[in-house]
Protein backbone atom coordinates (compact mmCIF):
# COMPACT_ATOMS: atom_id res chain seq x y z
CA MET A 1 0.00 0.00 0.00
CA SER A 2 2.84 2.38 0.83
CA THR A 3 4.35 1.98 -2.69
CA GLU A 4 1.18 3.50 -4.18
CA HIS A 5 1.44 6.55 -1.97
CA ALA A 6 3.94 9.38 -2.45
CA TYR A 7 5.11 9.32 1.17
CA GLY A 8 3.78 6.04 2.56
CA LEU A 9 4.37 5.56 6.27
CA LEU A 10 6.19 8.90 6.44
CA SER A 11 2.82 10.62 5.96
CA LEU A 12 1.89 9.39 9.45
CA LEU A 13 4.98 10.94 11.04
CA PRO A 14 3.70 14.52 11.69
CA PRO A 15 0.50 13.56 13.58
CA ALA A 16 2.35 10.71 15.33
CA VAL A 17 5.09 13.08 16.51
CA ALA A 18 2.50 15.61 17.67
CA ILE A 19 0.46 13.04 19.59
CA VAL A 20 3.42 11.23 21.20
CA LEU A 21 5.14 14.46 22.20
CA ALA A 22 1.88 15.83 23.59
CA MET A 23 1.56 12.70 25.74
CA LEU A 24 5.17 12.85 26.93
CA THR A 25 5.55 16.59 27.45
CA ARG A 26 1.88 17.58 28.03
CA ARG A 27 2.60 20.66 25.92
CA VAL A 28 0.12 20.57 23.08
CA VAL A 29 1.22 23.79 21.37
CA LEU A 30 4.88 22.79 21.20
CA SER A 31 3.92 19.28 20.07
CA LEU A 32 1.72 20.60 17.26
CA LEU A 33 4.49 22.93 16.09
CA LEU A 34 7.08 20.14 16.05
CA GLY A 35 4.64 17.94 14.14
CA ILE A 36 4.34 20.66 11.51
CA VAL A 37 8.13 20.98 11.28
CA VAL A 38 8.56 17.21 10.90
CA GLY A 39 5.97 17.18 8.10
CA ALA A 40 7.78 20.00 6.32
CA LEU A 41 11.08 18.12 6.63
CA VAL A 42 9.49 15.02 5.08
CA ILE A 43 8.16 17.03 2.14
CA SER A 44 11.45 18.91 1.62
CA SER A 45 13.51 15.68 1.88
CA GLY A 46 15.30 16.92 4.98
CA ARG A 47 16.35 20.31 3.62
CA PHE A 48 15.95 22.48 6.70
CA GLY A 49 15.82 25.85 4.93
CA GLN A 50 13.02 24.75 2.60
CA ALA A 51 11.19 23.16 5.52
CA ILE A 52 11.18 26.41 7.50
CA VAL A 53 9.85 28.34 4.51
CA LEU A 54 7.12 25.71 4.08
CA VAL A 55 6.18 25.92 7.77
CA LEU A 56 5.91 29.70 7.67
CA GLU A 57 4.51 30.35 4.21
CA GLY A 58 2.76 27.08 3.40
CA CYS A 59 1.20 26.28 6.78
CA LEU A 60 1.20 28.92 9.52
CA TRP A 61 0.47 31.99 7.40
CA PRO A 62 -2.34 30.47 5.27
CA ALA A 63 -3.86 28.90 8.39
CA ILE A 64 -4.24 32.21 10.19
CA THR A 65 -5.10 34.43 7.20
CA ASP A 66 -7.97 32.26 6.02
CA ASP A 67 -11.20 34.28 6.20
CA GLY A 68 -13.12 31.59 8.06
CA HIS A 69 -10.28 30.99 10.51
CA LEU A 70 -10.04 34.70 11.32
CA ARG A 71 -13.74 34.76 12.13
CA VAL A 72 -13.29 31.73 14.41
CA LEU A 73 -10.49 33.47 16.28
CA ALA A 74 -12.60 36.62 16.56
CA PHE A 75 -15.62 34.73 17.87
CA THR A 76 -13.61 32.81 20.45
CA SER A 77 -11.95 36.01 21.69
CA LEU A 78 -15.22 37.95 21.84
CA MET A 79 -16.94 35.10 23.64
CA GLY A 80 -14.16 34.97 26.21
CA ALA A 81 -14.44 38.73 26.71
CA MET A 82 -18.22 38.48 27.17
CA VAL A 83 -17.85 35.73 29.78
CA GLY A 84 -15.21 37.79 31.58
CA VAL A 85 -17.48 40.85 31.78
CA MET A 86 -20.48 38.80 32.89
CA ALA A 87 -18.44 37.11 35.62
CA ARG A 88 -17.11 40.44 36.91
CA SER A 89 -20.57 42.02 37.02
CA GLY A 90 -21.90 39.18 39.20
CA SER A 91 -24.62 38.36 36.69
CA VAL A 92 -23.84 34.66 36.31
CA GLN A 93 -23.53 34.26 40.06
CA ALA A 94 -26.94 35.90 40.46
CA MET A 95 -28.45 33.55 37.90
CA VAL A 96 -27.14 30.60 39.89
CA GLN A 97 -28.29 32.00 43.23
CA MET A 98 -31.86 32.27 41.92
CA LEU A 99 -31.97 28.48 42.05
CA MET A 100 -30.73 28.16 45.62
CA PRO A 101 -34.10 28.58 47.42
CA VAL A 102 -35.31 25.46 45.60
CA ALA A 103 -32.45 23.40 47.05
CA ARG A 104 -33.70 22.44 50.53
CA THR A 105 -32.55 18.79 50.58
CA ARG A 106 -29.38 16.99 49.51
CA ARG A 107 -31.03 15.56 46.40
CA ARG A 108 -32.58 18.86 45.42
CA GLY A 109 -29.27 20.60 45.99
CA GLN A 110 -27.51 18.20 43.63
CA CYS A 111 -30.27 18.48 41.04
CA VAL A 112 -30.14 22.28 41.18
CA THR A 113 -26.37 22.15 40.64
CA TRP A 114 -26.92 19.95 37.58
CA VAL A 115 -29.61 22.27 36.19
CA ALA A 116 -27.38 25.29 36.75
CA GLY A 117 -24.64 23.48 34.82
CA LEU A 118 -27.03 23.07 31.89
CA ILE A 119 -27.95 26.75 32.01
CA ILE A 120 -24.33 27.91 31.90
CA PHE A 121 -23.76 26.01 28.67
CA PHE A 122 -21.74 28.61 26.81
CA ASP A 123 -18.31 27.92 28.34
CA ASP A 124 -16.88 25.04 30.36
CA TYR A 125 -14.36 27.21 32.22
CA ALA A 126 -17.05 29.69 33.28
CA ASN A 127 -19.31 26.78 34.19
CA THR A 128 -16.68 25.10 36.35
CA LEU A 129 -15.37 28.16 38.13
CA LEU A 130 -18.67 29.91 38.75
CA LEU A 131 -20.66 26.87 39.85
CA GLY A 132 -17.92 25.48 42.07
CA THR A 133 -17.37 28.71 43.98
CA THR A 134 -21.04 29.74 44.09
CA PHE A 135 -22.51 26.40 45.18
CA ARG A 136 -19.82 25.57 47.72
CA PRO A 137 -21.69 27.24 50.62
CA LEU A 138 -24.89 25.41 49.62
CA ALA A 139 -23.05 22.08 49.48
CA ASP A 140 -21.63 22.67 52.97
CA ARG A 141 -25.06 23.57 54.32
CA LEU A 142 -26.64 20.42 52.86
CA LYS A 143 -23.64 18.21 53.76
CA ILE A 144 -22.87 17.39 50.16
CA SER A 145 -19.23 16.34 49.98
CA ARG A 146 -16.76 18.50 48.10
CA GLU A 147 -15.95 15.44 45.98
CA LYS A 148 -19.59 15.20 44.91
CA LEU A 149 -19.76 18.93 44.13
CA ALA A 150 -16.59 18.69 42.02
CA TYR A 151 -18.08 15.72 40.16
CA LEU A 152 -21.39 17.48 39.50
CA VAL A 153 -19.58 20.53 38.18
CA ASP A 154 -16.85 18.78 36.18
CA SER A 155 -19.01 16.11 34.55
CA THR A 156 -21.58 18.66 33.41
CA ALA A 157 -19.36 21.51 32.19
CA ALA A 158 -17.50 20.00 29.21
CA PRO A 159 -20.32 17.71 27.96
CA VAL A 160 -22.89 20.52 27.86
CA ALA A 161 -20.44 23.03 26.31
CA GLY A 162 -19.44 20.44 23.72
CA LEU A 163 -23.05 19.62 22.80
CA ALA A 164 -24.36 23.21 22.82
CA ILE A 165 -24.85 24.81 19.42
CA LEU A 166 -23.66 28.14 20.82
CA SER A 167 -20.62 27.96 23.08
CA THR A 168 -16.92 28.72 23.14
CA TRP A 169 -16.45 25.19 21.79
CA VAL A 170 -18.60 25.37 18.68
CA ALA A 171 -16.37 27.48 16.47
CA ALA A 172 -13.35 25.32 17.28
CA GLU A 173 -15.33 22.14 16.58
CA ILE A 174 -16.52 23.57 13.26
CA GLY A 175 -12.97 24.59 12.39
CA TYR A 176 -11.58 21.12 13.08
CA ILE A 177 -14.40 19.51 11.10
CA GLU A 178 -13.91 21.89 8.17
CA SER A 179 -10.24 20.92 8.12
CA GLY A 180 -11.20 17.26 7.93
CA LEU A 181 -13.81 17.82 5.21
CA LEU A 182 -11.55 20.04 3.13
CA ASP A 183 -10.29 17.43 0.70
CA LEU A 184 -13.30 15.10 0.59
CA GLU A 185 -15.40 14.76 -2.55
CA PHE A 186 -18.73 15.65 -0.95
CA ALA A 187 -17.36 18.66 0.97
CA GLN A 188 -19.01 21.21 -1.33
CA ASN A 189 -22.47 19.67 -0.87
CA SER A 190 -22.16 18.58 2.74
CA GLY A 191 -23.49 21.80 4.24
CA GLY A 192 -20.06 22.43 5.75
CA GLY A 193 -18.72 21.95 9.24
CA PHE A 194 -21.79 23.36 10.98
CA ARG A 195 -24.21 20.92 9.42
CA THR A 196 -21.84 18.01 10.07
CA LEU A 197 -21.48 19.15 13.67
CA ILE A 198 -25.26 19.17 14.16
CA ALA A 199 -25.60 15.77 12.48
CA SER A 200 -23.00 14.26 14.83
CA ILE A 201 -24.87 15.16 18.04
CA PRO A 202 -26.85 11.87 18.26
CA TYR A 203 -23.55 9.97 17.97
CA ARG A 204 -21.84 11.61 20.97
CA PHE A 205 -22.78 8.83 23.32
CA TYR A 206 -20.34 9.62 26.11
CA SER A 207 -21.38 13.26 26.45
CA ILE A 208 -25.09 12.44 26.34
CA ASN A 209 -24.75 9.56 28.80
CA ALA A 210 -22.52 11.61 31.12
CA LEU A 211 -25.13 14.36 31.44
CA ALA A 212 -27.86 11.77 32.01
CA PHE A 213 -25.81 9.92 34.61
CA VAL A 214 -25.09 13.08 36.61
CA ALA A 215 -28.85 13.68 36.77
CA MET A 216 -29.45 10.07 37.87
CA VAL A 217 -26.87 10.24 40.64
CA ALA A 218 -28.30 13.54 41.84
CA ALA A 219 -31.97 12.51 41.71
CA THR A 220 -31.67 9.00 43.17
CA GLY A 221 -29.26 9.83 45.99
CA ARG A 222 -27.30 6.67 45.14
CA ASP A 223 -23.52 6.40 44.92
CA PHE A 224 -20.87 3.69 44.76
CA GLY A 225 -17.15 3.28 45.15
CA PRO A 226 -15.00 6.11 46.54
CA MET A 227 -17.82 8.62 46.03
CA LEU A 228 -20.11 6.68 48.38
CA GLN A 229 -17.39 6.71 51.03
CA ALA A 230 -16.85 10.46 50.60
CA GLU A 231 -20.58 11.20 50.86
CA ARG A 232 -21.07 9.08 53.98
CA ARG A 233 -17.99 10.60 55.57
CA GLN A 234 -19.40 14.06 54.94
CA LEU A 235 -22.74 13.14 56.50
CA ARG A 236 -20.92 12.19 59.73
CA VAL A 237 -19.27 15.58 59.95
CA GLN A 238 -21.05 17.93 62.36
CA ASP A 239 -21.43 21.64 61.70
CA SER A 240 -18.22 23.42 62.57
CA GLY A 241 -16.89 26.92 62.66
CA ALA A 242 -14.92 26.21 59.50
CA SER A 243 -18.08 25.25 57.67
CA LYS A 244 -19.84 28.38 58.82
CA ARG A 245 -16.94 30.54 57.73
CA THR A 246 -17.18 28.98 54.28
CA GLU A 247 -20.84 29.89 54.05
CA ASP A 248 -20.04 33.49 54.94
CA LYS A 249 -17.98 33.73 51.76
CA GLY A 250 -21.03 33.53 49.52
CA VAL A 251 -21.14 35.76 46.48
CA LYS A 252 -22.87 39.09 47.04
CA VAL A 253 -24.77 40.35 43.99
CA THR A 254 -27.52 42.85 43.28
CA ARG A 255 -31.11 41.66 43.27
CA HIS A 256 -31.80 41.69 39.54
CA ALA A 257 -28.23 41.08 38.31
CA TRP A 258 -29.22 37.81 36.64
CA TRP A 259 -30.73 39.84 33.80
CA PHE A 260 -27.25 41.06 32.97
CA ALA A 261 -26.36 37.47 32.00
CA VAL A 262 -29.62 36.50 30.33
CA LEU A 263 -29.87 39.53 28.02
CA PRO A 264 -26.37 39.26 26.41
CA ILE A 265 -26.93 35.56 25.76
CA ALA A 266 -30.39 36.30 24.34
CA PHE A 267 -28.97 38.99 22.04
CA LEU A 268 -26.23 36.58 20.94
CA PHE A 269 -28.81 33.91 20.10
CA VAL A 270 -31.01 36.30 18.13
CA VAL A 271 -28.16 37.76 16.09
CA VAL A 272 -26.64 34.36 15.32
CA LEU A 273 -29.98 32.95 14.17
CA LEU A 274 -30.73 36.07 12.11
CA VAL A 275 -27.35 36.04 10.34
CA LEU A 276 -27.58 32.30 9.75
CA PHE A 277 -31.00 32.65 8.19
CA VAL A 278 -30.07 35.62 5.98
CA THR A 279 -26.79 34.15 4.70
CA GLY A 280 -28.37 30.70 4.42
CA SER A 281 -31.23 32.04 2.34
CA GLN A 282 -28.76 33.49 -0.13
CA ALA A 283 -26.73 30.27 -0.28
CA ALA A 284 -29.83 28.07 -0.63
CA GLN A 285 -31.04 30.11 -3.60
CA LEU A 286 -27.72 29.56 -5.36
CA VAL A 287 -27.77 25.81 -4.76
CA SER A 288 -31.50 25.13 -5.17
CA PRO A 289 -33.48 28.17 -6.40
CA GLY A 290 -37.01 28.34 -5.04
CA SER A 291 -36.18 26.36 -1.90
CA ASN A 292 -38.48 27.31 0.98
CA SER A 293 -37.10 24.92 3.58
CA TRP A 294 -36.16 26.91 6.69
CA PHE A 295 -33.83 24.11 7.78
CA GLU A 296 -32.03 24.23 4.44
CA LYS A 297 -31.57 27.98 4.86
CA PHE A 298 -30.44 27.59 8.44
CA VAL A 299 -27.78 24.90 7.88
CA ARG A 300 -26.39 26.63 4.79
CA GLY A 301 -25.87 29.87 6.69
CA ASP A 302 -22.41 31.31 7.25
CA SER A 303 -21.82 30.04 10.79
CA TYR A 304 -18.48 31.81 11.13
CA MET A 305 -20.02 35.19 10.31
CA ALA A 306 -23.05 34.50 12.52
CA LEU A 307 -20.98 33.49 15.53
CA MET A 308 -18.63 36.45 15.15
CA TYR A 309 -21.35 39.10 14.94
CA GLY A 310 -23.49 37.37 17.55
CA SER A 311 -20.65 37.33 20.06
CA LEU A 312 -19.82 40.95 19.24
CA VAL A 313 -23.38 42.06 19.99
CA GLY A 314 -23.41 39.88 23.12
CA LEU A 315 -20.17 41.48 24.34
CA VAL A 316 -21.47 45.01 23.72
CA ALA A 317 -24.68 44.18 25.59
CA ALA A 318 -22.74 42.67 28.51
CA MET A 319 -20.48 45.72 28.74
CA LEU A 320 -23.39 48.20 28.66
CA LEU A 321 -25.28 46.24 31.31
CA ALA A 322 -22.17 45.93 33.48
CA ARG A 323 -21.68 49.70 33.29
CA GLY A 324 -25.28 50.87 33.52
CA GLY A 325 -26.82 48.07 35.60
CA ALA A 326 -24.02 46.77 37.81
CA GLY A 327 -22.37 50.19 38.10
CA LEU A 328 -18.89 49.05 37.08
CA ARG A 329 -16.57 51.75 35.83
CA TRP A 330 -15.42 51.51 32.22
CA PRO A 331 -11.79 50.68 33.12
CA VAL A 332 -13.05 47.77 35.24
CA VAL A 333 -15.28 46.57 32.39
CA ALA A 334 -12.37 46.81 29.94
CA ARG A 335 -10.03 44.90 32.27
CA SER A 336 -12.66 42.18 32.72
CA ALA A 337 -13.05 41.79 28.95
CA THR A 338 -9.28 41.68 28.51
CA LYS A 339 -8.96 39.04 31.22
CA GLY A 340 -11.60 36.94 29.48
CA ILE A 341 -9.67 37.17 26.20
CA ARG A 342 -6.41 36.21 27.91
CA GLN A 343 -8.04 33.05 29.25
CA MET A 344 -8.85 32.04 25.68
CA LEU A 345 -5.34 32.63 24.29
CA PRO A 346 -4.13 29.02 24.75
CA ALA A 347 -7.18 27.78 22.85
CA LEU A 348 -6.53 30.30 20.06
CA VAL A 349 -2.92 29.16 19.63
CA ILE A 350 -3.99 25.51 19.64
CA LEU A 351 -6.54 26.30 16.93
CA TRP A 352 -3.95 28.03 14.78
CA PHE A 353 -1.36 25.28 14.99
CA ALA A 354 -4.00 22.58 14.52
CA TRP A 355 -5.10 24.21 11.27
CA ALA A 356 -1.47 24.35 10.15
CA LEU A 357 -0.90 20.67 10.98
CA SER A 358 -4.07 19.83 9.07
CA ARG A 359 -2.67 21.62 6.00
CA ILE A 360 0.58 19.65 6.09
CA THR A 361 -1.29 16.32 6.40
CA GLY A 362 -3.95 17.28 3.82
CA ALA A 363 -4.22 16.35 0.16
CA GLU A 364 -2.06 19.28 -0.95
CA TYR A 365 0.98 17.88 0.83
CA LEU A 366 1.22 14.52 2.64
CA ALA A 367 -2.32 13.15 2.04
CA THR A 368 -2.11 11.33 5.37
CA GLY A 369 -5.83 10.50 5.39
CA ASP A 370 -5.59 8.71 2.05
CA PHE A 371 -2.80 6.47 3.26
CA LEU A 372 -4.20 5.82 6.71
CA GLY A 373 -7.68 5.07 5.38
CA ALA A 374 -6.36 2.55 2.87
CA TRP A 375 -4.14 0.93 5.51
CA MET A 376 -6.86 0.70 8.16
CA ALA A 377 -9.30 -0.70 5.61
CA GLU A 378 -7.02 -3.73 5.41
CA LYS A 379 -6.66 -4.08 9.18
CA ILE A 380 -10.07 -3.42 10.74
CA ALA A 381 -13.68 -3.51 9.64
CA PRO A 382 -15.30 -0.10 9.05
CA GLY A 383 -17.85 -0.93 11.74
CA LEU A 384 -15.11 -0.90 14.38
CA LEU A 385 -13.81 2.53 13.40
CA PRO A 386 -16.08 4.56 15.76
CA THR A 387 -14.98 2.43 18.72
CA VAL A 388 -11.31 2.62 17.77
CA ALA A 389 -11.64 6.40 17.36
CA PHE A 390 -13.25 6.69 20.81
CA LEU A 391 -10.51 4.66 22.50
CA LEU A 392 -7.69 6.55 20.76
CA ALA A 393 -9.22 9.94 21.60
CA SER A 394 -9.72 8.85 25.21
CA ALA A 395 -6.10 7.75 25.54
CA ALA A 396 -4.77 10.93 23.95
CA ALA A 397 -6.93 13.20 26.14
CA PHE A 398 -6.00 11.28 29.30
CA ALA A 399 -2.30 11.49 28.56
CA THR A 400 -2.28 15.14 27.49
CA GLY A 401 -5.00 16.48 29.81
CA THR A 402 -6.70 18.47 27.08
CA SER A 403 -9.88 17.73 25.16
CA TRP A 404 -9.27 20.67 22.82
CA GLY A 405 -5.80 19.47 21.90
CA THR A 406 -7.12 15.95 21.32
CA MET A 407 -9.90 17.20 19.05
CA ALA A 408 -7.43 19.36 17.15
CA LEU A 409 -5.16 16.38 16.56
CA MET A 410 -7.76 13.74 15.80
CA ILE A 411 -10.87 15.23 14.17
CA PRO A 412 -9.38 16.10 10.75
CA LEU A 413 -7.45 12.84 10.53
CA SER A 414 -10.36 10.67 11.72
CA LEU A 415 -12.78 12.18 9.19
CA GLN A 416 -10.34 11.63 6.35
CA THR A 417 -9.63 8.08 7.54
CA ALA A 418 -13.34 7.25 7.82
CA TYR A 419 -13.96 8.60 4.35
CA GLU A 420 -11.21 6.49 2.82
CA MET A 421 -12.33 3.32 4.61
CA ILE A 422 -15.99 3.76 3.62
CA HIS A 423 -14.98 4.63 0.07
CA ILE A 424 -12.93 1.45 -0.25
CA ASP A 425 -15.64 -0.68 1.38
CA GLN A 426 -18.75 0.80 -0.28
CA GLY A 427 -17.58 3.00 -3.13
CA LEU A 428 -20.05 5.83 -2.43
CA VAL A 429 -19.65 8.05 0.63
CA LEU A 430 -22.44 10.39 1.72
CA ALA A 431 -22.09 13.36 4.05
CA ASP A 432 -24.58 11.80 6.49
CA ASP A 433 -23.00 8.33 6.48
CA PRO A 434 -23.53 6.83 9.98
CA ILE A 435 -19.95 5.51 10.20
CA LEU A 436 -18.55 8.93 9.31
CA LEU A 437 -20.75 10.75 11.83
CA ALA A 438 -20.24 8.09 14.51
CA THR A 439 -16.45 8.39 14.10
CA LEU A 440 -16.68 12.15 14.54
CA GLY A 441 -18.99 11.79 17.54
CA SER A 442 -16.65 9.21 19.06
CA VAL A 443 -13.66 11.56 18.86
CA LEU A 444 -15.67 14.38 20.44
CA GLY A 445 -16.91 12.07 23.20
CA GLY A 446 -13.60 10.32 23.78
CA ALA A 447 -11.78 13.63 24.13
CA ILE A 448 -14.11 14.65 26.97
CA PHE A 449 -13.95 11.23 28.67
CA GLY A 450 -10.15 11.19 28.71
CA ASP A 451 -10.17 14.75 30.00
CA HIS A 452 -12.55 13.76 32.83
CA CYS A 453 -10.22 11.00 33.99
CA SER A 454 -6.94 12.87 33.60
CA PRO A 455 -5.31 14.29 36.73
CA ILE A 456 -3.47 16.83 34.57
CA SER A 457 -6.59 18.16 32.86
CA ASP A 458 -7.10 21.90 33.24
CA THR A 459 -10.85 21.56 33.79
CA THR A 460 -10.33 18.74 36.30
CA VAL A 461 -7.91 20.95 38.23
CA LEU A 462 -10.29 23.91 38.00
CA ALA A 463 -13.20 21.81 39.25
CA SER A 464 -11.16 20.71 42.27
CA GLN A 465 -10.01 24.22 43.06
CA ALA A 466 -13.40 25.88 42.55
CA SER A 467 -15.16 23.25 44.67
CA GLY A 468 -12.57 23.35 47.45
CA CYS A 469 -11.83 19.65 46.95
CA ASN A 470 -8.55 17.79 47.18
CA HIS A 471 -7.51 17.27 43.58
CA ILE A 472 -6.55 13.61 43.81
CA ALA A 473 -9.74 12.89 45.77
CA HIS A 474 -11.74 14.42 42.92
CA VAL A 475 -9.95 12.28 40.33
CA ARG A 476 -10.44 9.10 42.42
CA THR A 477 -14.15 9.67 42.99
CA GLN A 478 -15.01 10.81 39.46
CA MET A 479 -13.06 8.19 37.54
CA PRO A 480 -15.29 5.15 38.35
CA TYR A 481 -18.36 7.08 37.21
CA ALA A 482 -16.63 8.23 34.01
CA LEU A 483 -15.38 4.69 33.28
CA LEU A 484 -18.88 3.26 33.70
CA VAL A 485 -20.39 5.86 31.39
CA ALA A 486 -17.63 5.28 28.81
CA THR A 487 -18.14 1.51 28.90
CA ILE A 488 -21.83 1.90 28.15
CA ALA A 489 -21.00 4.50 25.49
CA VAL A 490 -18.98 1.81 23.71
CA LEU A 491 -21.11 -1.30 24.34
CA GLY A 492 -24.39 0.59 23.98
CA GLY A 493 -23.27 3.15 21.42
CA THR A 494 -20.22 3.08 19.18
CA LEU A 495 -20.18 -0.71 18.63
CA PRO A 496 -23.89 -1.20 17.77
CA VAL A 497 -24.02 1.93 15.60
CA GLY A 498 -20.92 0.79 13.74
CA TYR A 499 -22.87 -2.28 12.65
CA GLY A 500 -26.07 -0.57 11.62
CA VAL A 501 -28.11 -0.04 14.81
CA PRO A 502 -29.83 3.40 14.73
CA ALA A 503 -28.22 6.01 16.94
CA GLY A 504 -31.63 7.18 18.18
CA LEU A 505 -32.28 3.79 19.72
CA MET A 506 -28.90 3.74 21.47
CA ILE A 507 -29.53 7.19 22.95
CA LEU A 508 -32.51 5.65 24.77
CA VAL A 509 -30.82 2.37 25.66
CA GLY A 510 -27.66 3.87 27.17
CA PRO A 511 -29.31 5.90 29.97
CA LEU A 512 -31.67 3.01 30.78
CA VAL A 513 -28.73 0.66 31.21
CA LEU A 514 -26.91 3.23 33.34
CA LEU A 515 -29.93 3.71 35.58
CA THR A 516 -30.20 -0.05 36.03
CA LEU A 517 -26.52 -0.36 36.91
CA LEU A 518 -26.71 2.58 39.32
CA THR A 519 -29.64 0.89 41.07
CA ILE A 520 -27.69 -2.37 41.36
CA LEU A 521 -24.25 -1.00 42.21
CA GLY A 522 -25.24 2.10 44.15
CA SER A 523 -26.40 2.56 47.69
CA ARG A 524 -28.23 5.46 49.29
CA THR A 525 -25.90 7.77 51.11
CA ALA A 526 -28.45 8.80 53.72
């Protein structure tokens, strides 16, 4: 197979170097850059000068000057700024505190925490930090262990942000998908990365099951393993001065501050939908004149433009409300926005280098997907590809501690590999092919699962810190739950779907199996 390919096994070297180095060094940015350099050296036959020119002019510069990529970077920065302003004004904290009067029992308290996690869907960092710090006094009052609070926060934040159509994740996910679709035959008629992203939602079994399982644990009051021990230990602890001091540190916000969070998000939604519909109407008329399908217009809309202008309007609204409603001075508002942007800088750099690595492994240069797809077609059945993709993404995310870095490394390559395998096996590949979508969904789910289990994950660390929980204790108590959910995601998701079982059926089966297992394995903590 390698003799029919210009570079053969060498085409696998750049992503392999990037993944292995990311696992060893836990520095995703450096690993991506070295992967790009290795790819350029392969193409230039080891001539270092030519390789550097290729890295700069053939990869990094085109990756960041692309119109769509610039809009992605703008959206991500603006979204980070909006979250920063909203956090500083106390609006998100106020939105969370509105739910607190409902939480009068341990079960209700856990359920309210889960619901609040669903409401703060737009960013996993904001979700983790705000919920952990805001609900800590409530957890102490209801004798919910810090380990349980960290689990509720951590296992809701990334899955809901990854599944949400509007979040700080969506532009990155679209960008990675667009990179993977770039060289495929049906790319022009696929509806682009946004439509593929929407179509993959039913195939993200881990994320869906994780959100469902958090709700089950909260509503039933059942736990098992280290979490059960932590919860029972907390119930034996009597009220102490330390606990009371923790409660006194609750967030103080103005009475109606929650509107300052709701309105910017509402404006963002409206603008995004409006721009999608307008640009989609124009695109639909070019493709199929006379089309009146609102869905066709919606999915063909310019998602990059919509997200950019939506986040811009949301940021302006958040800043005006922070100044006029919360009474923050303009310098404070500006510093809050800047801080929010700074928090997104690592993600922006990862995006840039991931696009550049995708260029070097794409059809224009190494055509890595062509080779890998042909090779894997000889080694494994196409039906196993979603499961293999899930396991590889899980391992990479666990070792590197980053779901974003894992998605950046694996989404483009997995889409190209799936396409080649299906093409060899069936001949015709459609944009909505279940194997293709299941492979994408598996990478997205596996990246979050590995991140949940990794002790070096940034969100895992943030969840521990925000919840006031010992970090290793959080990892020990969350991991059995994540492993159970992942097992069902494979046995009741990626494997059956790979062999023709409808994804809709597996979405129903997975949570039912998890509820049954929780009933059998779990015990009531009180």
